[in-house]
Amino acid sequence: TAIYYCNAKIRSAYISYLDYWGQG
């Protein structure tokens, strides 16, 4: 039992990864 979140990590030229999240 929990709130489940979708996550995406995309490589960036300036940061190792950019994080994106769903609403849960």
PDBML (XML) file of the C-alpha atoms, coordinates in Angstrom:
<?xml version="1.0" encoding="UTF-8" ?>
<PDBx:datablock datablockName="MODEL"
   xmlns:PDBx="http://pdbml.pdb.org/schema/pdbx-v50.xsd"
   xmlns:xsi="http://www.w3.org/2001/XMLSchema-instance"
   xsi:schemaLocation="http://pdbml.pdb.org/schema/pdbx-v50.xsd pdbx-v50.xsd">
   <PDBx:atom_siteCategory>
      <PDBx:atom_site id="1">
         <PDBx:B_iso_or_equiv>0.00</PDBx:B_iso_or_equiv>
         <PDBx:Cartn_x>0.000</PDBx:Cartn_x>
         <PDBx:Cartn_y>0.000</PDBx:Cartn_y>
         <PDBx:Cartn_z>0.000</PDBx:Cartn_z>
         <PDBx:auth_asym_id>A</PDBx:auth_asym_id>
         <PDBx:auth_atom_id>CA</PDBx:auth_atom_id>
         <PDBx:auth_comp_id>THR</PDBx:auth_comp_id>
         <PDBx:auth_seq_id>1</PDBx:auth_seq_id>
         <PDBx:group_PDB>ATOM</PDBx:group_PDB>
         <PDBx:label_alt_id xsi:nil="true" />
         <PDBx:label_asym_id>A</PDBx:label_asym_id>
         <PDBx:label_atom_id>CA</PDBx:label_atom_id>
         <PDBx:label_comp_id>THR</PDBx:label_comp_id>
         <PDBx:label_entity_id>1</PDBx:label_entity_id>
         <PDBx:label_seq_id>1</PDBx:label_seq_id>
         <PDBx:occupancy>1.00</PDBx:occupancy>
         <PDBx:pdbx_PDB_model_num>1</PDBx:pdbx_PDB_model_num>
         <PDBx:type_symbol>C</PDBx:type_symbol>
      </PDBx:atom_site>
      <PDBx:atom_site id="2">
         <PDBx:B_iso_or_equiv>0.00</PDBx:B_iso_or_equiv>
         <PDBx:Cartn_x>1.491</PDBx:Cartn_x>
         <PDBx:Cartn_y>3.306</PDBx:Cartn_y>
         <PDBx:Cartn_z>-1.144</PDBx:Cartn_z>
         <PDBx:auth_asym_id>A</PDBx:auth_asym_id>
         <PDBx:auth_atom_id>CA</PDBx:auth_atom_id>
         <PDBx:auth_comp_id>ALA</PDBx:auth_comp_id>
         <PDBx:auth_seq_id>2</PDBx:auth_seq_id>
         <PDBx:group_PDB>ATOM</PDBx:group_PDB>
         <PDBx:label_alt_id xsi:nil="true" />
         <PDBx:label_asym_id>A</PDBx:label_asym_id>
         <PDBx:label_atom_id>CA</PDBx:label_atom_id>
         <PDBx:label_comp_id>ALA</PDBx:label_comp_id>
         <PDBx:label_entity_id>1</PDBx:label_entity_id>
         <PDBx:label_seq_id>2</PDBx:label_seq_id>
         <PDBx:occupancy>1.00</PDBx:occupancy>
         <PDBx:pdbx_PDB_model_num>1</PDBx:pdbx_PDB_model_num>
         <PDBx:type_symbol>C</PDBx:type_symbol>
      </PDBx:atom_site>
      <PDBx:atom_site id="3">
         <PDBx:B_iso_or_equiv>0.00</PDBx:B_iso_or_equiv>
         <PDBx:Cartn_x>1.337</PDBx:Cartn_x>
         <PDBx:Cartn_y>6.063</PDBx:Cartn_y>
         <PDBx:Cartn_z>-3.701</PDBx:Cartn_z>
         <PDBx:auth_asym_id>A</PDBx:auth_asym_id>
         <PDBx:auth_atom_id>CA</PDBx:auth_atom_id>
         <PDBx:auth_comp_id>ILE</PDBx:auth_comp_id>
         <PDBx:auth_seq_id>3</PDBx:auth_seq_id>
         <PDBx:group_PDB>ATOM</PDBx:group_PDB>
         <PDBx:label_alt_id xsi:nil="true" />
         <PDBx:label_asym_id>A</PDBx:label_asym_id>
         <PDBx:label_atom_id>CA</PDBx:label_atom_id>
         <PDBx:label_comp_id>ILE</PDBx:label_comp_id>
         <PDBx:label_entity_id>1</PDBx:label_entity_id>
         <PDBx:label_seq_id>3</PDBx:label_seq_id>
         <PDBx:occupancy>1.00</PDBx:occupancy>
         <PDBx:pdbx_PDB_model_num>1</PDBx:pdbx_PDB_model_num>
         <PDBx:type_symbol>C</PDBx:type_symbol>
      </PDBx:atom_site>
      <PDBx:atom_site id="4">
         <PDBx:B_iso_or_equiv>0.00</PDBx:B_iso_or_equiv>
         <PDBx:Cartn_x>3.172</PDBx:Cartn_x>
         <PDBx:Cartn_y>4.853</PDBx:Cartn_y>
         <PDBx:Cartn_z>-6.792</PDBx:Cartn_z>
         <PDBx:auth_asym_id>A</PDBx:auth_asym_id>
         <PDBx:auth_atom_id>CA</PDBx:auth_atom_id>
         <PDBx:auth_comp_id>TYR</PDBx:auth_comp_id>
         <PDBx:auth_seq_id>4</PDBx:auth_seq_id>
         <PDBx:group_PDB>ATOM</PDBx:group_PDB>
         <PDBx:label_alt_id xsi:nil="true" />
         <PDBx:label_asym_id>A</PDBx:label_asym_id>
         <PDBx:label_atom_id>CA</PDBx:label_atom_id>
         <PDBx:label_comp_id>TYR</PDBx:label_comp_id>
         <PDBx:label_entity_id>1</PDBx:label_entity_id>
         <PDBx:label_seq_id>4</PDBx:label_seq_id>
         <PDBx:occupancy>1.00</PDBx:occupancy>
         <PDBx:pdbx_PDB_model_num>1</PDBx:pdbx_PDB_model_num>
         <PDBx:type_symbol>C</PDBx:type_symbol>
      </PDBx:atom_site>
      <PDBx:atom_site id="5">
         <PDBx:B_iso_or_equiv>0.00</PDBx:B_iso_or_equiv>
         <PDBx:Cartn_x>5.064</PDBx:Cartn_x>
         <PDBx:Cartn_y>7.322</PDBx:Cartn_y>
         <PDBx:Cartn_z>-8.975</PDBx:Cartn_z>
         <PDBx:auth_asym_id>A</PDBx:auth_asym_id>
         <PDBx:auth_atom_id>CA</PDBx:auth_atom_id>
         <PDBx:auth_comp_id>TYR</PDBx:auth_comp_id>
         <PDBx:auth_seq_id>5</PDBx:auth_seq_id>
         <PDBx:group_PDB>ATOM</PDBx:group_PDB>
         <PDBx:label_alt_id xsi:nil="true" />
         <PDBx:label_asym_id>A</PDBx:label_asym_id>
         <PDBx:label_atom_id>CA</PDBx:label_atom_id>
         <PDBx:label_comp_id>TYR</PDBx:label_comp_id>
         <PDBx:label_entity_id>1</PDBx:label_entity_id>
         <PDBx:label_seq_id>5</PDBx:label_seq_id>
         <PDBx:occupancy>1.00</PDBx:occupancy>
         <PDBx:pdbx_PDB_model_num>1</PDBx:pdbx_PDB_model_num>
         <PDBx:type_symbol>C</PDBx:type_symbol>
      </PDBx:atom_site>
      <PDBx:atom_site id="6">
         <PDBx:B_iso_or_equiv>0.00</PDBx:B_iso_or_equiv>
         <PDBx:Cartn_x>6.367</PDBx:Cartn_x>
         <PDBx:Cartn_y>7.024</PDBx:Cartn_y>
         <PDBx:Cartn_z>-12.511</PDBx:Cartn_z>
         <PDBx:auth_asym_id>A</PDBx:auth_asym_id>
         <PDBx:auth_atom_id>CA</PDBx:auth_atom_id>
         <PDBx:auth_comp_id>CYS</PDBx:auth_comp_id>
         <PDBx:auth_seq_id>6</PDBx:auth_seq_id>
         <PDBx:group_PDB>ATOM</PDBx:group_PDB>
         <PDBx:label_alt_id xsi:nil="true" />
         <PDBx:label_asym_id>A</PDBx:label_asym_id>
         <PDBx:label_atom_id>CA</PDBx:label_atom_id>
         <PDBx:label_comp_id>CYS</PDBx:label_comp_id>
         <PDBx:label_entity_id>1</PDBx:label_entity_id>
         <PDBx:label_seq_id>6</PDBx:label_seq_id>
         <PDBx:occupancy>1.00</PDBx:occupancy>
         <PDBx:pdbx_PDB_model_num>1</PDBx:pdbx_PDB_model_num>
         <PDBx:type_symbol>C</PDBx:type_symbol>
      </PDBx:atom_site>
      <PDBx:atom_site id="7">
         <PDBx:B_iso_or_equiv>0.00</PDBx:B_iso_or_equiv>
         <PDBx:Cartn_x>9.876</PDBx:Cartn_x>
         <PDBx:Cartn_y>8.388</PDBx:Cartn_y>
         <PDBx:Cartn_z>-13.038</PDBx:Cartn_z>
         <PDBx:auth_asym_id>A</PDBx:auth_asym_id>
         <PDBx:auth_atom_id>CA</PDBx:auth_atom_id>
         <PDBx:auth_comp_id>ASN</PDBx:auth_comp_id>
         <PDBx:auth_seq_id>7</PDBx:auth_seq_id>
         <PDBx:group_PDB>ATOM</PDBx:group_PDB>
         <PDBx:label_alt_id xsi:nil="true" />
         <PDBx:label_asym_id>A</PDBx:label_asym_id>
         <PDBx:label_atom_id>CA</PDBx:label_atom_id>
         <PDBx:label_comp_id>ASN</PDBx:label_comp_id>
         <PDBx:label_entity_id>1</PDBx:label_entity_id>
         <PDBx:label_seq_id>7</PDBx:label_seq_id>
         <PDBx:occupancy>1.00</PDBx:occupancy>
         <PDBx:pdbx_PDB_model_num>1</PDBx:pdbx_PDB_model_num>
         <PDBx:type_symbol>C</PDBx:type_symbol>
      </PDBx:atom_site>
      <PDBx:atom_site id="8">
         <PDBx:B_iso_or_equiv>0.00</PDBx:B_iso_or_equiv>
         <PDBx:Cartn_x>12.006</PDBx:Cartn_x>
         <PDBx:Cartn_y>9.147</PDBx:Cartn_y>
         <PDBx:Cartn_z>-16.092</PDBx:Cartn_z>
         <PDBx:auth_asym_id>A</PDBx:auth_asym_id>
         <PDBx:auth_atom_id>CA</PDBx:auth_atom_id>
         <PDBx:auth_comp_id>ALA</PDBx:auth_comp_id>
         <PDBx:auth_seq_id>8</PDBx:auth_seq_id>
         <PDBx:group_PDB>ATOM</PDBx:group_PDB>
         <PDBx:label_alt_id xsi:nil="true" />
         <PDBx:label_asym_id>A</PDBx:label_asym_id>
         <PDBx:label_atom_id>CA</PDBx:label_atom_id>
         <PDBx:label_comp_id>ALA</PDBx:label_comp_id>
         <PDBx:label_entity_id>1</PDBx:label_entity_id>
         <PDBx:label_seq_id>8</PDBx:label_seq_id>
         <PDBx:occupancy>1.00</PDBx:occupancy>
         <PDBx:pdbx_PDB_model_num>1</PDBx:pdbx_PDB_model_num>
         <PDBx:type_symbol>C</PDBx:type_symbol>
      </PDBx:atom_site>
      <PDBx:atom_site id="9">
         <PDBx:B_iso_or_equiv>0.00</PDBx:B_iso_or_equiv>
         <PDBx:Cartn_x>15.686</PDBx:Cartn_x>
         <PDBx:Cartn_y>10.041</PDBx:Cartn_y>
         <PDBx:Cartn_z>-16.116</PDBx:Cartn_z>
         <PDBx:auth_asym_id>A</PDBx:auth_asym_id>
         <PDBx:auth_atom_id>CA</PDBx:auth_atom_id>
         <PDBx:auth_comp_id>LYS</PDBx:auth_comp_id>
         <PDBx:auth_seq_id>9</PDBx:auth_seq_id>
         <PDBx:group_PDB>ATOM</PDBx:group_PDB>
         <PDBx:label_alt_id xsi:nil="true" />
         <PDBx:label_asym_id>A</PDBx:label_asym_id>
         <PDBx:label_atom_id>CA</PDBx:label_atom_id>
         <PDBx:label_comp_id>LYS</PDBx:label_comp_id>
         <PDBx:label_entity_id>1</PDBx:label_entity_id>
         <PDBx:label_seq_id>9</PDBx:label_seq_id>
         <PDBx:occupancy>1.00</PDBx:occupancy>
         <PDBx:pdbx_PDB_model_num>1</PDBx:pdbx_PDB_model_num>
         <PDBx:type_symbol>C</PDBx:type_symbol>
      </PDBx:atom_site>
      <PDBx:atom_site id="10">
         <PDBx:B_iso_or_equiv>0.00</PDBx:B_iso_or_equiv>
         <PDBx:Cartn_x>17.168</PDBx:Cartn_x>
         <PDBx:Cartn_y>11.680</PDBx:Cartn_y>
         <PDBx:Cartn_z>-19.205</PDBx:Cartn_z>
         <PDBx:auth_asym_id>A</PDBx:auth_asym_id>
         <PDBx:auth_atom_id>CA</PDBx:auth_atom_id>
         <PDBx:auth_comp_id>ILE</PDBx:auth_comp_id>
         <PDBx:auth_seq_id>10</PDBx:auth_seq_id>
         <PDBx:group_PDB>ATOM</PDBx:group_PDB>
         <PDBx:label_alt_id xsi:nil="true" />
         <PDBx:label_asym_id>A</PDBx:label_asym_id>
         <PDBx:label_atom_id>CA</PDBx:label_atom_id>
         <PDBx:label_comp_id>ILE</PDBx:label_comp_id>
         <PDBx:label_entity_id>1</PDBx:label_entity_id>
         <PDBx:label_seq_id>10</PDBx:label_seq_id>
         <PDBx:occupancy>1.00</PDBx:occupancy>
         <PDBx:pdbx_PDB_model_num>1</PDBx:pdbx_PDB_model_num>
         <PDBx:type_symbol>C</PDBx:type_symbol>
      </PDBx:atom_site>
      <PDBx:atom_site id="11">
         <PDBx:B_iso_or_equiv>0.00</PDBx:B_iso_or_equiv>
         <PDBx:Cartn_x>20.846</PDBx:Cartn_x>
         <PDBx:Cartn_y>12.455</PDBx:Cartn_y>
         <PDBx:Cartn_z>-19.800</PDBx:Cartn_z>
         <PDBx:auth_asym_id>A</PDBx:auth_asym_id>
         <PDBx:auth_atom_id>CA</PDBx:auth_atom_id>
         <PDBx:auth_comp_id>ARG</PDBx:auth_comp_id>
         <PDBx:auth_seq_id>11</PDBx:auth_seq_id>
         <PDBx:group_PDB>ATOM</PDBx:group_PDB>
         <PDBx:label_alt_id xsi:nil="true" />
         <PDBx:label_asym_id>A</PDBx:label_asym_id>
         <PDBx:label_atom_id>CA</PDBx:label_atom_id>
         <PDBx:label_comp_id>ARG</PDBx:label_comp_id>
         <PDBx:label_entity_id>1</PDBx:label_entity_id>
         <PDBx:label_seq_id>11</PDBx:label_seq_id>
         <PDBx:occupancy>1.00</PDBx:occupancy>
         <PDBx:pdbx_PDB_model_num>1</PDBx:pdbx_PDB_model_num>
         <PDBx:type_symbol>C</PDBx:type_symbol>
      </PDBx:atom_site>
      <PDBx:atom_site id="12">
         <PDBx:B_iso_or_equiv>0.00</PDBx:B_iso_or_equiv>
         <PDBx:Cartn_x>21.726</PDBx:Cartn_x>
         <PDBx:Cartn_y>16.137</PDBx:Cartn_y>
         <PDBx:Cartn_z>-19.837</PDBx:Cartn_z>
         <PDBx:auth_asym_id>A</PDBx:auth_asym_id>
         <PDBx:auth_atom_id>CA</PDBx:auth_atom_id>
         <PDBx:auth_comp_id>SER</PDBx:auth_comp_id>
         <PDBx:auth_seq_id>12</PDBx:auth_seq_id>
         <PDBx:group_PDB>ATOM</PDBx:group_PDB>
         <PDBx:label_alt_id xsi:nil="true" />
         <PDBx:label_asym_id>A</PDBx:label_asym_id>
         <PDBx:label_atom_id>CA</PDBx:label_atom_id>
         <PDBx:label_comp_id>SER</PDBx:label_comp_id>
         <PDBx:label_entity_id>1</PDBx:label_entity_id>
         <PDBx:label_seq_id>12</PDBx:label_seq_id>
         <PDBx:occupancy>1.00</PDBx:occupancy>
         <PDBx:pdbx_PDB_model_num>1</PDBx:pdbx_PDB_model_num>
         <PDBx:type_symbol>C</PDBx:type_symbol>
      </PDBx:atom_site>
      <PDBx:atom_site id="13">
         <PDBx:B_iso_or_equiv>0.00</PDBx:B_iso_or_equiv>
         <PDBx:Cartn_x>24.781</PDBx:Cartn_x>
         <PDBx:Cartn_y>17.965</PDBx:Cartn_y>
         <PDBx:Cartn_z>-21.138</PDBx:Cartn_z>
         <PDBx:auth_asym_id>A</PDBx:auth_asym_id>
         <PDBx:auth_atom_id>CA</PDBx:auth_atom_id>
         <PDBx:auth_comp_id>ALA</PDBx:auth_comp_id>
         <PDBx:auth_seq_id>13</PDBx:auth_seq_id>
         <PDBx:group_PDB>ATOM</PDBx:group_PDB>
         <PDBx:label_alt_id xsi:nil="true" />
         <PDBx:label_asym_id>A</PDBx:label_asym_id>
         <PDBx:label_atom_id>CA</PDBx:label_atom_id>
         <PDBx:label_comp_id>ALA</PDBx:label_comp_id>
         <PDBx:label_entity_id>1</PDBx:label_entity_id>
         <PDBx:label_seq_id>13</PDBx:label_seq_id>
         <PDBx:occupancy>1.00</PDBx:occupancy>
         <PDBx:pdbx_PDB_model_num>1</PDBx:pdbx_PDB_model_num>
         <PDBx:type_symbol>C</PDBx:type_symbol>
      </PDBx:atom_site>
      <PDBx:atom_site id="14">
         <PDBx:B_iso_or_equiv>0.00</PDBx:B_iso_or_equiv>
         <PDBx:Cartn_x>24.918</PDBx:Cartn_x>
         <PDBx:Cartn_y>19.933</PDBx:Cartn_y>
         <PDBx:Cartn_z>-17.887</PDBx:Cartn_z>
         <PDBx:auth_asym_id>A</PDBx:auth_asym_id>
         <PDBx:auth_atom_id>CA</PDBx:auth_atom_id>
         <PDBx:auth_comp_id>TYR</PDBx:auth_comp_id>
         <PDBx:auth_seq_id>14</PDBx:auth_seq_id>
         <PDBx:group_PDB>ATOM</PDBx:group_PDB>
         <PDBx:label_alt_id xsi:nil="true" />
         <PDBx:label_asym_id>A</PDBx:label_asym_id>
         <PDBx:label_atom_id>CA</PDBx:label_atom_id>
         <PDBx:label_comp_id>TYR</PDBx:label_comp_id>
         <PDBx:label_entity_id>1</PDBx:label_entity_id>
         <PDBx:label_seq_id>14</PDBx:label_seq_id>
         <PDBx:occupancy>1.00</PDBx:occupancy>
         <PDBx:pdbx_PDB_model_num>1</PDBx:pdbx_PDB_model_num>
         <PDBx:type_symbol>C</PDBx:type_symbol>
      </PDBx:atom_site>
      <PDBx:atom_site id="15">
         <PDBx:B_iso_or_equiv>0.00</PDBx:B_iso_or_equiv>
         <PDBx:Cartn_x>23.614</PDBx:Cartn_x>
         <PDBx:Cartn_y>17.499</PDBx:Cartn_y>
         <PDBx:Cartn_z>-15.261</PDBx:Cartn_z>
         <PDBx:auth_asym_id>A</PDBx:auth_asym_id>
         <PDBx:auth_atom_id>CA</PDBx:auth_atom_id>
         <PDBx:auth_comp_id>ILE</PDBx:auth_comp_id>
         <PDBx:auth_seq_id>15</PDBx:auth_seq_id>
         <PDBx:group_PDB>ATOM</PDBx:group_PDB>
         <PDBx:label_alt_id xsi:nil="true" />
         <PDBx:label_asym_id>A</PDBx:label_asym_id>
         <PDBx:label_atom_id>CA</PDBx:label_atom_id>
         <PDBx:label_comp_id>ILE</PDBx:label_comp_id>
         <PDBx:label_entity_id>1</PDBx:label_entity_id>
         <PDBx:label_seq_id>15</PDBx:label_seq_id>
         <PDBx:occupancy>1.00</PDBx:occupancy>
         <PDBx:pdbx_PDB_model_num>1</PDBx:pdbx_PDB_model_num>
         <PDBx:type_symbol>C</PDBx:type_symbol>
      </PDBx:atom_site>
      <PDBx:atom_site id="16">
         <PDBx:B_iso_or_equiv>0.00</PDBx:B_iso_or_equiv>
         <PDBx:Cartn_x>24.069</PDBx:Cartn_x>
         <PDBx:Cartn_y>13.746</PDBx:Cartn_y>
         <PDBx:Cartn_z>-15.048</PDBx:Cartn_z>
         <PDBx:auth_asym_id>A</PDBx:auth_asym_id>
         <PDBx:auth_atom_id>CA</PDBx:auth_atom_id>
         <PDBx:auth_comp_id>SER</PDBx:auth_comp_id>
         <PDBx:auth_seq_id>16</PDBx:auth_seq_id>
         <PDBx:group_PDB>ATOM</PDBx:group_PDB>
         <PDBx:label_alt_id xsi:nil="true" />
         <PDBx:label_asym_id>A</PDBx:label_asym_id>
         <PDBx:label_atom_id>CA</PDBx:label_atom_id>
         <PDBx:label_comp_id>SER</PDBx:label_comp_id>
         <PDBx:label_entity_id>1</PDBx:label_entity_id>
         <PDBx:label_seq_id>16</PDBx:label_seq_id>
         <PDBx:occupancy>1.00</PDBx:occupancy>
         <PDBx:pdbx_PDB_model_num>1</PDBx:pdbx_PDB_model_num>
         <PDBx:type_symbol>C</PDBx:type_symbol>
      </PDBx:atom_site>
      <PDBx:atom_site id="17">
         <PDBx:B_iso_or_equiv>0.00</PDBx:B_iso_or_equiv>
         <PDBx:Cartn_x>20.299</PDBx:Cartn_x>
         <PDBx:Cartn_y>13.171</PDBx:Cartn_y>
         <PDBx:Cartn_z>-15.389</PDBx:Cartn_z>
         <PDBx:auth_asym_id>A</PDBx:auth_asym_id>
         <PDBx:auth_atom_id>CA</PDBx:auth_atom_id>
         <PDBx:auth_comp_id>TYR</PDBx:auth_comp_id>
         <PDBx:auth_seq_id>17</PDBx:auth_seq_id>
         <PDBx:group_PDB>ATOM</PDBx:group_PDB>
         <PDBx:label_alt_id xsi:nil="true" />
         <PDBx:label_asym_id>A</PDBx:label_asym_id>
         <PDBx:label_atom_id>CA</PDBx:label_atom_id>
         <PDBx:label_comp_id>TYR</PDBx:label_comp_id>
         <PDBx:label_entity_id>1</PDBx:label_entity_id>
         <PDBx:label_seq_id>17</PDBx:label_seq_id>
         <PDBx:occupancy>1.00</PDBx:occupancy>
         <PDBx:pdbx_PDB_model_num>1</PDBx:pdbx_PDB_model_num>
         <PDBx:type_symbol>C</PDBx:type_symbol>
      </PDBx:atom_site>
      <PDBx:atom_site id="18">
         <PDBx:B_iso_or_equiv>0.00</PDBx:B_iso_or_equiv>
         <PDBx:Cartn_x>17.138</PDBx:Cartn_x>
         <PDBx:Cartn_y>15.247</PDBx:Cartn_y>
         <PDBx:Cartn_z>-15.503</PDBx:Cartn_z>
         <PDBx:auth_asym_id>A</PDBx:auth_asym_id>
         <PDBx:auth_atom_id>CA</PDBx:auth_atom_id>
         <PDBx:auth_comp_id>LEU</PDBx:auth_comp_id>
         <PDBx:auth_seq_id>18</PDBx:auth_seq_id>
         <PDBx:group_PDB>ATOM</PDBx:group_PDB>
         <PDBx:label_alt_id xsi:nil="true" />
         <PDBx:label_asym_id>A</PDBx:label_asym_id>
         <PDBx:label_atom_id>CA</PDBx:label_atom_id>
         <PDBx:label_comp_id>LEU</PDBx:label_comp_id>
         <PDBx:label_entity_id>1</PDBx:label_entity_id>
         <PDBx:label_seq_id>18</PDBx:label_seq_id>
         <PDBx:occupancy>1.00</PDBx:occupancy>
         <PDBx:pdbx_PDB_model_num>1</PDBx:pdbx_PDB_model_num>
         <PDBx:type_symbol>C</PDBx:type_symbol>
      </PDBx:atom_site>
      <PDBx:atom_site id="19">
         <PDBx:B_iso_or_equiv>0.00</PDBx:B_iso_or_equiv>
         <PDBx:Cartn_x>14.292</PDBx:Cartn_x>
         <PDBx:Cartn_y>13.773</PDBx:Cartn_y>
         <PDBx:Cartn_z>-13.443</PDBx:Cartn_z>
         <PDBx:auth_asym_id>A</PDBx:auth_asym_id>
         <PDBx:auth_atom_id>CA</PDBx:auth_atom_id>
         <PDBx:auth_comp_id>ASP</PDBx:auth_comp_id>
         <PDBx:auth_seq_id>19</PDBx:auth_seq_id>
         <PDBx:group_PDB>ATOM</PDBx:group_PDB>
         <PDBx:label_alt_id xsi:nil="true" />
         <PDBx:label_asym_id>A</PDBx:label_asym_id>
         <PDBx:label_atom_id>CA</PDBx:label_atom_id>
         <PDBx:label_comp_id>ASP</PDBx:label_comp_id>
         <PDBx:label_entity_id>1</PDBx:label_entity_id>
         <PDBx:label_seq_id>19</PDBx:label_seq_id>
         <PDBx:occupancy>1.00</PDBx:occupancy>
         <PDBx:pdbx_PDB_model_num>1</PDBx:pdbx_PDB_model_num>
         <PDBx:type_symbol>C</PDBx:type_symbol>
      </PDBx:atom_site>
      <PDBx:atom_site id="20">
         <PDBx:B_iso_or_equiv>0.00</PDBx:B_iso_or_equiv>
         <PDBx:Cartn_x>10.632</PDBx:Cartn_x>
         <PDBx:Cartn_y>13.794</PDBx:Cartn_y>
         <PDBx:Cartn_z>-14.448</PDBx:Cartn_z>
         <PDBx:auth_asym_id>A</PDBx:auth_asym_id>
         <PDBx:auth_atom_id>CA</PDBx:auth_atom_id>
         <PDBx:auth_comp_id>TYR</PDBx:auth_comp_id>
         <PDBx:auth_seq_id>20</PDBx:auth_seq_id>
         <PDBx:group_PDB>ATOM</PDBx:group_PDB>
         <PDBx:label_alt_id xsi:nil="true" />
         <PDBx:label_asym_id>A</PDBx:label_asym_id>
         <PDBx:label_atom_id>CA</PDBx:label_atom_id>
         <PDBx:label_comp_id>TYR</PDBx:label_comp_id>
         <PDBx:label_entity_id>1</PDBx:label_entity_id>
         <PDBx:label_seq_id>20</PDBx:label_seq_id>
         <PDBx:occupancy>1.00</PDBx:occupancy>
         <PDBx:pdbx_PDB_model_num>1</PDBx:pdbx_PDB_model_num>
         <PDBx:type_symbol>C</PDBx:type_symbol>
      </PDBx:atom_site>
      <PDBx:atom_site id="21">
         <PDBx:B_iso_or_equiv>0.00</PDBx:B_iso_or_equiv>
         <PDBx:Cartn_x>7.752</PDBx:Cartn_x>
         <PDBx:Cartn_y>12.542</PDBx:Cartn_y>
         <PDBx:Cartn_z>-12.299</PDBx:Cartn_z>
         <PDBx:auth_asym_id>A</PDBx:auth_asym_id>
         <PDBx:auth_atom_id>CA</PDBx:auth_atom_id>
         <PDBx:auth_comp_id>TRP</PDBx:auth_comp_id>
         <PDBx:auth_seq_id>21</PDBx:auth_seq_id>
         <PDBx:group_PDB>ATOM</PDBx:group_PDB>
         <PDBx:label_alt_id xsi:nil="true" />
         <PDBx:label_asym_id>A</PDBx:label_asym_id>
         <PDBx:label_atom_id>CA</PDBx:label_atom_id>
         <PDBx:label_comp_id>TRP</PDBx:label_comp_id>
         <PDBx:label_entity_id>1</PDBx:label_entity_id>
         <PDBx:label_seq_id>21</PDBx:label_seq_id>
         <PDBx:occupancy>1.00</PDBx:occupancy>
         <PDBx:pdbx_PDB_model_num>1</PDBx:pdbx_PDB_model_num>
         <PDBx:type_symbol>C</PDBx:type_symbol>
      </PDBx:atom_site>
      <PDBx:atom_site id="22">
         <PDBx:B_iso_or_equiv>0.00</PDBx:B_iso_or_equiv>
         <PDBx:Cartn_x>4.145</PDBx:Cartn_x>
         <PDBx:Cartn_y>11.571</PDBx:Cartn_y>
         <PDBx:Cartn_z>-12.748</PDBx:Cartn_z>
         <PDBx:auth_asym_id>A</PDBx:auth_asym_id>
         <PDBx:auth_atom_id>CA</PDBx:auth_atom_id>
         <PDBx:auth_comp_id>GLY</PDBx:auth_comp_id>
         <PDBx:auth_seq_id>22</PDBx:auth_seq_id>
         <PDBx:group_PDB>ATOM</PDBx:group_PDB>
         <PDBx:label_alt_id xsi:nil="true" />
         <PDBx:label_asym_id>A</PDBx:label_asym_id>
         <PDBx:label_atom_id>CA</PDBx:label_atom_id>
         <PDBx:label_comp_id>GLY</PDBx:label_comp_id>
         <PDBx:label_entity_id>1</PDBx:label_entity_id>
         <PDBx:label_seq_id>22</PDBx:label_seq_id>
         <PDBx:occupancy>1.00</PDBx:occupancy>
         <PDBx:pdbx_PDB_model_num>1</PDBx:pdbx_PDB_model_num>
         <PDBx:type_symbol>C</PDBx:type_symbol>
      </PDBx:atom_site>
      <PDBx:atom_site id="23">
         <PDBx:B_iso_or_equiv>0.00</PDBx:B_iso_or_equiv>
         <PDBx:Cartn_x>1.398</PDBx:Cartn_x>
         <PDBx:Cartn_y>12.743</PDBx:Cartn_y>
         <PDBx:Cartn_z>-10.414</PDBx:Cartn_z>
         <PDBx:auth_asym_id>A</PDBx:auth_asym_id>
         <PDBx:auth_atom_id>CA</PDBx:auth_atom_id>
         <PDBx:auth_comp_id>GLN</PDBx:auth_comp_id>
         <PDBx:auth_seq_id>23</PDBx:auth_seq_id>
         <PDBx:group_PDB>ATOM</PDBx:group_PDB>
         <PDBx:label_alt_id xsi:nil="true" />
         <PDBx:label_asym_id>A</PDBx:label_asym_id>
         <PDBx:label_atom_id>CA</PDBx:label_atom_id>
         <PDBx:label_comp_id>GLN</PDBx:label_comp_id>
         <PDBx:label_entity_id>1</PDBx:label_entity_id>
         <PDBx:label_seq_id>23</PDBx:label_seq_id>
         <PDBx:occupancy>1.00</PDBx:occupancy>
         <PDBx:pdbx_PDB_model_num>1</PDBx:pdbx_PDB_model_num>
         <PDBx:type_symbol>C</PDBx:type_symbol>
      </PDBx:atom_site>
      <PDBx:atom_site id="24">
         <PDBx:B_iso_or_equiv>0.00</PDBx:B_iso_or_equiv>
         <PDBx:Cartn_x>1.207</PDBx:Cartn_x>
         <PDBx:Cartn_y>9.464</PDBx:Cartn_y>
         <PDBx:Cartn_z>-8.517</PDBx:Cartn_z>
         <PDBx:auth_asym_id>A</PDBx:auth_asym_id>
         <PDBx:auth_atom_id>CA</PDBx:auth_atom_id>
         <PDBx:auth_comp_id>GLY</PDBx:auth_comp_id>
         <PDBx:auth_seq_id>24</PDBx:auth_seq_id>
         <PDBx:group_PDB>ATOM</PDBx:group_PDB>
         <PDBx:label_alt_id xsi:nil="true" />
         <PDBx:label_asym_id>A</PDBx:label_asym_id>
         <PDBx:label_atom_id>CA</PDBx:label_atom_id>
         <PDBx:label_comp_id>GLY</PDBx:label_comp_id>
         <PDBx:label_entity_id>1</PDBx:label_entity_id>
         <PDBx:label_seq_id>24</PDBx:label_seq_id>
         <PDBx:occupancy>1.00</PDBx:occupancy>
         <PDBx:pdbx_PDB_model_num>1</PDBx:pdbx_PDB_model_num>
         <PDBx:type_symbol>C</PDBx:type_symbol>
      </PDBx:atom_site>
   </PDBx:atom_siteCategory>
</PDBx:datablock>
